[in-house]
N, C-alpha and C. Protein backbone atom coordinates (compact mmCIF):
# COMPACT_ATOMS: atom_id res chain seq x y z
N MET A 1 -50.49 -151.91 -91.34
CA MET A 1 -49.98 -150.79 -92.23
C MET A 1 -50.31 -151.12 -93.62
N ALA A 2 -50.69 -150.08 -94.39
CA ALA A 2 -50.92 -150.27 -95.81
C ALA A 2 -49.76 -150.71 -96.51
N LYS A 3 -49.95 -151.37 -97.68
CA LYS A 3 -48.85 -151.98 -98.58
C LYS A 3 -48.91 -151.14 -99.79
N GLN A 4 -47.73 -151.00 -100.44
CA GLN A 4 -47.63 -150.33 -101.86
C GLN A 4 -46.68 -151.24 -102.71
N ALA A 5 -46.90 -151.15 -103.98
CA ALA A 5 -46.07 -151.83 -104.86
C ALA A 5 -45.01 -150.75 -105.41
N ILE A 6 -43.77 -151.33 -105.50
CA ILE A 6 -42.70 -150.51 -106.10
C ILE A 6 -41.87 -151.51 -106.93
N THR A 7 -41.12 -150.90 -107.74
CA THR A 7 -40.14 -151.61 -108.72
C THR A 7 -38.72 -151.07 -108.44
N LEU A 8 -37.76 -151.84 -108.16
CA LEU A 8 -36.43 -151.51 -107.93
C LEU A 8 -35.65 -151.94 -109.18
N LYS A 9 -34.76 -151.11 -109.57
CA LYS A 9 -33.85 -151.56 -110.79
C LYS A 9 -32.49 -151.73 -110.16
N ILE A 10 -32.00 -152.96 -110.25
CA ILE A 10 -30.72 -153.21 -109.68
C ILE A 10 -29.86 -153.99 -110.86
N ALA A 11 -28.82 -153.49 -111.07
CA ALA A 11 -27.93 -154.00 -112.12
C ALA A 11 -28.63 -154.08 -113.58
N GLY A 12 -29.44 -153.15 -113.74
CA GLY A 12 -30.24 -153.05 -114.98
C GLY A 12 -31.56 -153.92 -115.13
N LYS A 13 -31.76 -154.67 -114.04
CA LYS A 13 -32.99 -155.58 -114.05
C LYS A 13 -33.99 -155.03 -113.07
N ASN A 14 -35.34 -154.99 -113.48
CA ASN A 14 -36.36 -154.55 -112.60
C ASN A 14 -36.83 -155.68 -111.66
N TYR A 15 -37.06 -155.29 -110.46
CA TYR A 15 -37.62 -156.25 -109.48
C TYR A 15 -38.82 -155.52 -108.68
N PRO A 16 -40.00 -156.26 -108.89
CA PRO A 16 -41.09 -155.84 -108.10
C PRO A 16 -41.16 -156.24 -106.69
N PHE A 17 -41.61 -155.33 -105.80
CA PHE A 17 -41.79 -155.65 -104.43
C PHE A 17 -43.19 -154.99 -103.94
N THR A 18 -43.72 -155.63 -102.97
CA THR A 18 -44.80 -155.01 -102.18
C THR A 18 -44.30 -154.76 -100.85
N ILE A 19 -44.32 -153.61 -100.52
CA ILE A 19 -43.73 -153.19 -99.20
C ILE A 19 -44.76 -152.46 -98.33
N GLU A 20 -44.39 -152.37 -96.99
CA GLU A 20 -45.28 -151.43 -96.11
C GLU A 20 -45.10 -149.94 -96.54
N SER A 21 -46.14 -149.32 -96.62
CA SER A 21 -46.07 -147.81 -96.97
C SER A 21 -45.16 -147.16 -95.81
N GLY A 22 -44.37 -146.28 -96.20
CA GLY A 22 -43.39 -145.60 -95.32
C GLY A 22 -42.12 -146.20 -95.32
N LYS A 23 -41.89 -147.37 -96.09
CA LYS A 23 -40.53 -147.90 -96.17
C LYS A 23 -39.86 -147.60 -97.61
N GLU A 24 -40.63 -147.00 -98.35
CA GLU A 24 -40.10 -146.80 -99.61
C GLU A 24 -38.69 -146.11 -99.78
N GLU A 25 -38.63 -145.08 -98.99
CA GLU A 25 -37.33 -144.38 -98.91
C GLU A 25 -36.12 -145.20 -98.68
N ALA A 26 -36.29 -146.13 -97.71
CA ALA A 26 -35.23 -147.01 -97.32
C ALA A 26 -34.83 -148.07 -98.49
N TYR A 27 -35.91 -148.43 -99.20
CA TYR A 27 -35.73 -149.38 -100.39
C TYR A 27 -34.95 -148.62 -101.40
N ARG A 28 -35.44 -147.36 -101.69
CA ARG A 28 -34.88 -146.46 -102.77
C ARG A 28 -33.39 -146.25 -102.46
N LEU A 29 -33.00 -145.97 -101.14
CA LEU A 29 -31.69 -145.66 -100.83
C LEU A 29 -30.78 -146.95 -100.98
N ALA A 30 -31.37 -148.02 -100.62
CA ALA A 30 -30.72 -149.29 -100.74
C ALA A 30 -30.37 -149.59 -102.26
N GLU A 31 -31.43 -149.43 -103.07
CA GLU A 31 -31.30 -149.49 -104.51
C GLU A 31 -30.07 -148.75 -105.05
N CYS A 32 -30.12 -147.45 -104.71
CA CYS A 32 -29.03 -146.61 -105.10
C CYS A 32 -27.72 -147.03 -104.61
N GLU A 33 -27.56 -147.36 -103.35
CA GLU A 33 -26.41 -147.75 -102.78
C GLU A 33 -25.82 -148.99 -103.51
N VAL A 34 -26.60 -150.04 -103.84
CA VAL A 34 -26.17 -151.25 -104.50
C VAL A 34 -25.71 -150.83 -105.86
N ASN A 35 -26.50 -150.03 -106.60
CA ASN A 35 -26.11 -149.66 -108.04
C ASN A 35 -24.86 -148.93 -108.01
N ASN A 36 -24.65 -147.93 -106.98
CA ASN A 36 -23.48 -147.15 -106.90
C ASN A 36 -22.25 -148.00 -106.70
N TYR A 37 -22.35 -148.98 -105.76
CA TYR A 37 -21.22 -149.84 -105.50
C TYR A 37 -20.89 -150.76 -106.68
N LEU A 38 -21.92 -151.30 -107.40
CA LEU A 38 -21.71 -152.03 -108.54
C LEU A 38 -20.97 -151.25 -109.62
N ALA A 39 -21.31 -149.95 -109.82
CA ALA A 39 -20.68 -149.09 -110.85
C ALA A 39 -19.22 -148.99 -110.43
N LEU A 40 -18.98 -148.70 -109.12
CA LEU A 40 -17.58 -148.60 -108.58
C LEU A 40 -16.75 -149.79 -108.89
N ILE A 41 -17.18 -150.97 -108.49
CA ILE A 41 -16.33 -152.18 -108.83
C ILE A 41 -16.28 -152.53 -110.17
N LYS A 42 -17.21 -152.23 -111.04
CA LYS A 42 -17.17 -152.53 -112.49
C LYS A 42 -16.18 -151.64 -113.16
N GLN A 43 -15.79 -150.52 -112.53
CA GLN A 43 -14.67 -149.63 -113.16
C GLN A 43 -13.35 -150.35 -113.09
N GLN A 44 -13.17 -151.39 -112.17
CA GLN A 44 -12.00 -152.06 -112.11
C GLN A 44 -11.72 -153.07 -113.29
N LYS A 45 -12.86 -153.34 -114.00
CA LYS A 45 -12.76 -154.24 -115.20
C LYS A 45 -12.04 -155.45 -114.98
N ILE A 46 -12.47 -156.19 -114.04
CA ILE A 46 -11.65 -157.47 -113.68
C ILE A 46 -12.03 -158.47 -114.76
N ARG A 47 -10.89 -159.05 -115.39
CA ARG A 47 -11.10 -160.07 -116.35
C ARG A 47 -11.87 -161.22 -116.10
N ASN A 48 -12.68 -161.67 -116.98
CA ASN A 48 -13.52 -162.76 -116.78
C ASN A 48 -14.53 -162.84 -115.78
N TRP A 49 -14.92 -161.59 -115.32
CA TRP A 49 -15.91 -161.48 -114.28
C TRP A 49 -17.31 -161.32 -115.06
N SER A 50 -18.28 -162.00 -114.48
CA SER A 50 -19.61 -161.79 -115.19
C SER A 50 -20.43 -161.02 -114.23
N GLU A 51 -21.63 -160.62 -114.72
CA GLU A 51 -22.40 -159.75 -113.90
C GLU A 51 -22.72 -160.38 -112.44
N GLN A 52 -22.81 -161.71 -112.55
CA GLN A 52 -23.11 -162.50 -111.14
C GLN A 52 -21.83 -162.30 -110.33
N ASP A 53 -20.58 -162.24 -110.77
CA ASP A 53 -19.48 -162.10 -109.92
C ASP A 53 -19.47 -160.67 -109.30
N TYR A 54 -19.79 -159.67 -110.08
CA TYR A 54 -20.02 -158.37 -109.46
C TYR A 54 -21.08 -158.16 -108.49
N LEU A 55 -22.16 -158.89 -108.62
CA LEU A 55 -23.29 -158.85 -107.70
C LEU A 55 -22.96 -159.64 -106.51
N ALA A 56 -22.09 -160.67 -106.66
CA ALA A 56 -21.66 -161.53 -105.53
C ALA A 56 -20.84 -160.65 -104.66
N MET A 57 -19.89 -159.89 -105.20
CA MET A 57 -18.99 -159.04 -104.43
C MET A 57 -19.65 -157.90 -103.82
N ALA A 58 -20.70 -157.39 -104.39
CA ALA A 58 -21.59 -156.38 -103.77
C ALA A 58 -22.30 -157.02 -102.62
N ALA A 59 -22.87 -158.21 -102.77
CA ALA A 59 -23.60 -158.81 -101.66
C ALA A 59 -22.58 -159.10 -100.48
N LEU A 60 -21.37 -159.52 -100.76
CA LEU A 60 -20.30 -159.81 -99.84
C LEU A 60 -19.99 -158.36 -99.10
N LYS A 61 -19.87 -157.35 -99.83
CA LYS A 61 -19.51 -156.03 -99.16
C LYS A 61 -20.59 -155.63 -98.18
N PHE A 62 -21.79 -155.74 -98.52
CA PHE A 62 -22.95 -155.40 -97.62
C PHE A 62 -23.05 -156.35 -96.48
N ALA A 63 -22.80 -157.60 -96.70
CA ALA A 63 -22.84 -158.61 -95.58
C ALA A 63 -21.73 -158.28 -94.62
N ILE A 64 -20.54 -158.03 -95.05
CA ILE A 64 -19.41 -157.73 -94.24
C ILE A 64 -19.73 -156.39 -93.37
N ALA A 65 -20.40 -155.54 -93.98
CA ALA A 65 -20.71 -154.22 -93.35
C ALA A 65 -21.77 -154.51 -92.16
N ASN A 66 -22.74 -155.43 -92.59
CA ASN A 66 -23.76 -155.81 -91.56
C ASN A 66 -23.20 -156.53 -90.48
N VAL A 67 -22.34 -157.44 -90.66
CA VAL A 67 -21.71 -158.29 -89.52
C VAL A 67 -20.77 -157.39 -88.69
N LYS A 68 -20.01 -156.46 -89.45
CA LYS A 68 -19.19 -155.58 -88.59
C LYS A 68 -19.97 -154.69 -87.69
N THR A 69 -21.23 -154.17 -88.14
CA THR A 69 -22.09 -153.39 -87.29
C THR A 69 -22.52 -154.18 -86.10
N ARG A 70 -22.93 -155.45 -86.37
CA ARG A 70 -23.38 -156.23 -85.27
C ARG A 70 -22.39 -156.45 -84.19
N LEU A 71 -21.07 -156.79 -84.73
CA LEU A 71 -20.05 -157.08 -83.82
C LEU A 71 -19.64 -155.81 -82.99
N ASP A 72 -19.64 -154.72 -83.69
CA ASP A 72 -19.31 -153.39 -82.90
C ASP A 72 -20.38 -153.08 -81.89
N ARG A 73 -21.48 -153.74 -81.97
CA ARG A 73 -22.48 -153.35 -81.00
C ARG A 73 -22.49 -154.36 -79.76
N GLU A 74 -21.78 -155.47 -80.08
CA GLU A 74 -21.79 -156.39 -78.89
C GLU A 74 -20.64 -155.95 -77.86
N PRO A 75 -20.97 -156.04 -76.53
CA PRO A 75 -20.02 -155.65 -75.55
C PRO A 75 -18.75 -156.56 -75.57
N ASP A 76 -17.64 -156.02 -75.50
CA ASP A 76 -16.37 -156.94 -75.38
C ASP A 76 -16.07 -157.08 -73.85
N ALA A 77 -14.90 -157.84 -73.60
CA ALA A 77 -14.58 -158.08 -72.18
C ALA A 77 -14.50 -156.77 -71.26
N ASP A 78 -13.77 -155.84 -71.94
CA ASP A 78 -13.47 -154.63 -71.23
C ASP A 78 -14.94 -153.95 -70.80
N ASP A 79 -15.87 -153.84 -71.72
CA ASP A 79 -17.27 -153.36 -71.46
C ASP A 79 -17.87 -154.13 -70.37
N LEU A 80 -17.72 -155.43 -70.42
CA LEU A 80 -18.51 -156.28 -69.47
C LEU A 80 -17.70 -156.07 -68.02
N GLY A 81 -16.45 -155.89 -68.07
CA GLY A 81 -15.70 -155.68 -66.81
C GLY A 81 -16.26 -154.33 -66.13
N ARG A 82 -16.23 -153.29 -66.92
CA ARG A 82 -16.71 -151.96 -66.52
C ARG A 82 -18.14 -152.02 -65.98
N LEU A 83 -19.05 -152.78 -66.69
CA LEU A 83 -20.33 -152.94 -66.24
C LEU A 83 -20.48 -153.74 -64.90
N GLU A 84 -19.73 -154.72 -64.66
CA GLU A 84 -19.59 -155.45 -63.42
C GLU A 84 -19.13 -154.60 -62.36
N ARG A 85 -18.14 -153.77 -62.48
CA ARG A 85 -17.65 -152.90 -61.52
C ARG A 85 -18.67 -151.83 -61.09
N LEU A 86 -19.35 -151.32 -62.14
CA LEU A 86 -20.32 -150.40 -61.85
C LEU A 86 -21.55 -151.02 -61.09
N ASP A 87 -21.91 -152.21 -61.51
CA ASP A 87 -22.91 -152.89 -60.75
C ASP A 87 -22.51 -153.20 -59.30
N ASP A 88 -21.27 -153.45 -58.98
CA ASP A 88 -20.78 -153.63 -57.67
C ASP A 88 -20.81 -152.28 -56.86
N GLU A 89 -20.42 -151.24 -57.53
CA GLU A 89 -20.46 -149.90 -56.92
C GLU A 89 -21.86 -149.59 -56.49
N LEU A 90 -22.88 -149.85 -57.50
CA LEU A 90 -24.25 -149.53 -57.18
C LEU A 90 -24.88 -150.39 -56.02
N ASP A 91 -24.51 -151.71 -56.10
CA ASP A 91 -24.86 -152.56 -54.95
C ASP A 91 -24.33 -152.00 -53.66
N ALA A 92 -23.15 -151.70 -53.56
CA ALA A 92 -22.48 -151.24 -52.39
C ALA A 92 -23.14 -149.85 -51.91
N TYR A 93 -23.45 -148.96 -52.83
CA TYR A 93 -24.17 -147.66 -52.47
C TYR A 93 -25.57 -147.95 -51.95
N LEU A 94 -26.31 -148.83 -52.69
CA LEU A 94 -27.60 -149.10 -52.39
C LEU A 94 -27.78 -149.87 -51.06
N ASN A 95 -26.75 -150.63 -50.73
CA ASN A 95 -26.85 -151.53 -49.52
C ASN A 95 -26.19 -150.92 -48.39
N SER A 96 -25.54 -149.84 -48.43
CA SER A 96 -24.83 -149.14 -47.37
C SER A 96 -25.85 -148.50 -46.36
N PRO A 97 -25.49 -148.52 -45.12
CA PRO A 97 -26.43 -147.75 -44.27
C PRO A 97 -26.47 -146.33 -44.46
N GLY A 98 -27.47 -145.73 -44.39
CA GLY A 98 -27.64 -144.18 -44.55
C GLY A 98 -26.73 -143.43 -43.63
N GLU A 99 -26.30 -142.35 -44.09
CA GLU A 99 -25.30 -141.58 -43.22
C GLU A 99 -26.08 -140.39 -42.75
């Protein structure tokens, strides 16, 4: 796939990237989301926080969301139990003599 150069501005600083064509929208949406979240937490005006502190909290927020998404997708014990019962039912049905 073809590559294209873009520049994202995060926390007031420009960052150049070379990305696959067709992925620009995702990068632009991410840029917007990060900057919007930074603006939101900066409104709290936490004493003695630097730009790095705000960026660290933004990174933590997105990392937590990513981990939560992954954990939500993993089957839990109840899901595995239901799948095992369904597997048993399918085996019984497929291995039963025809009526």
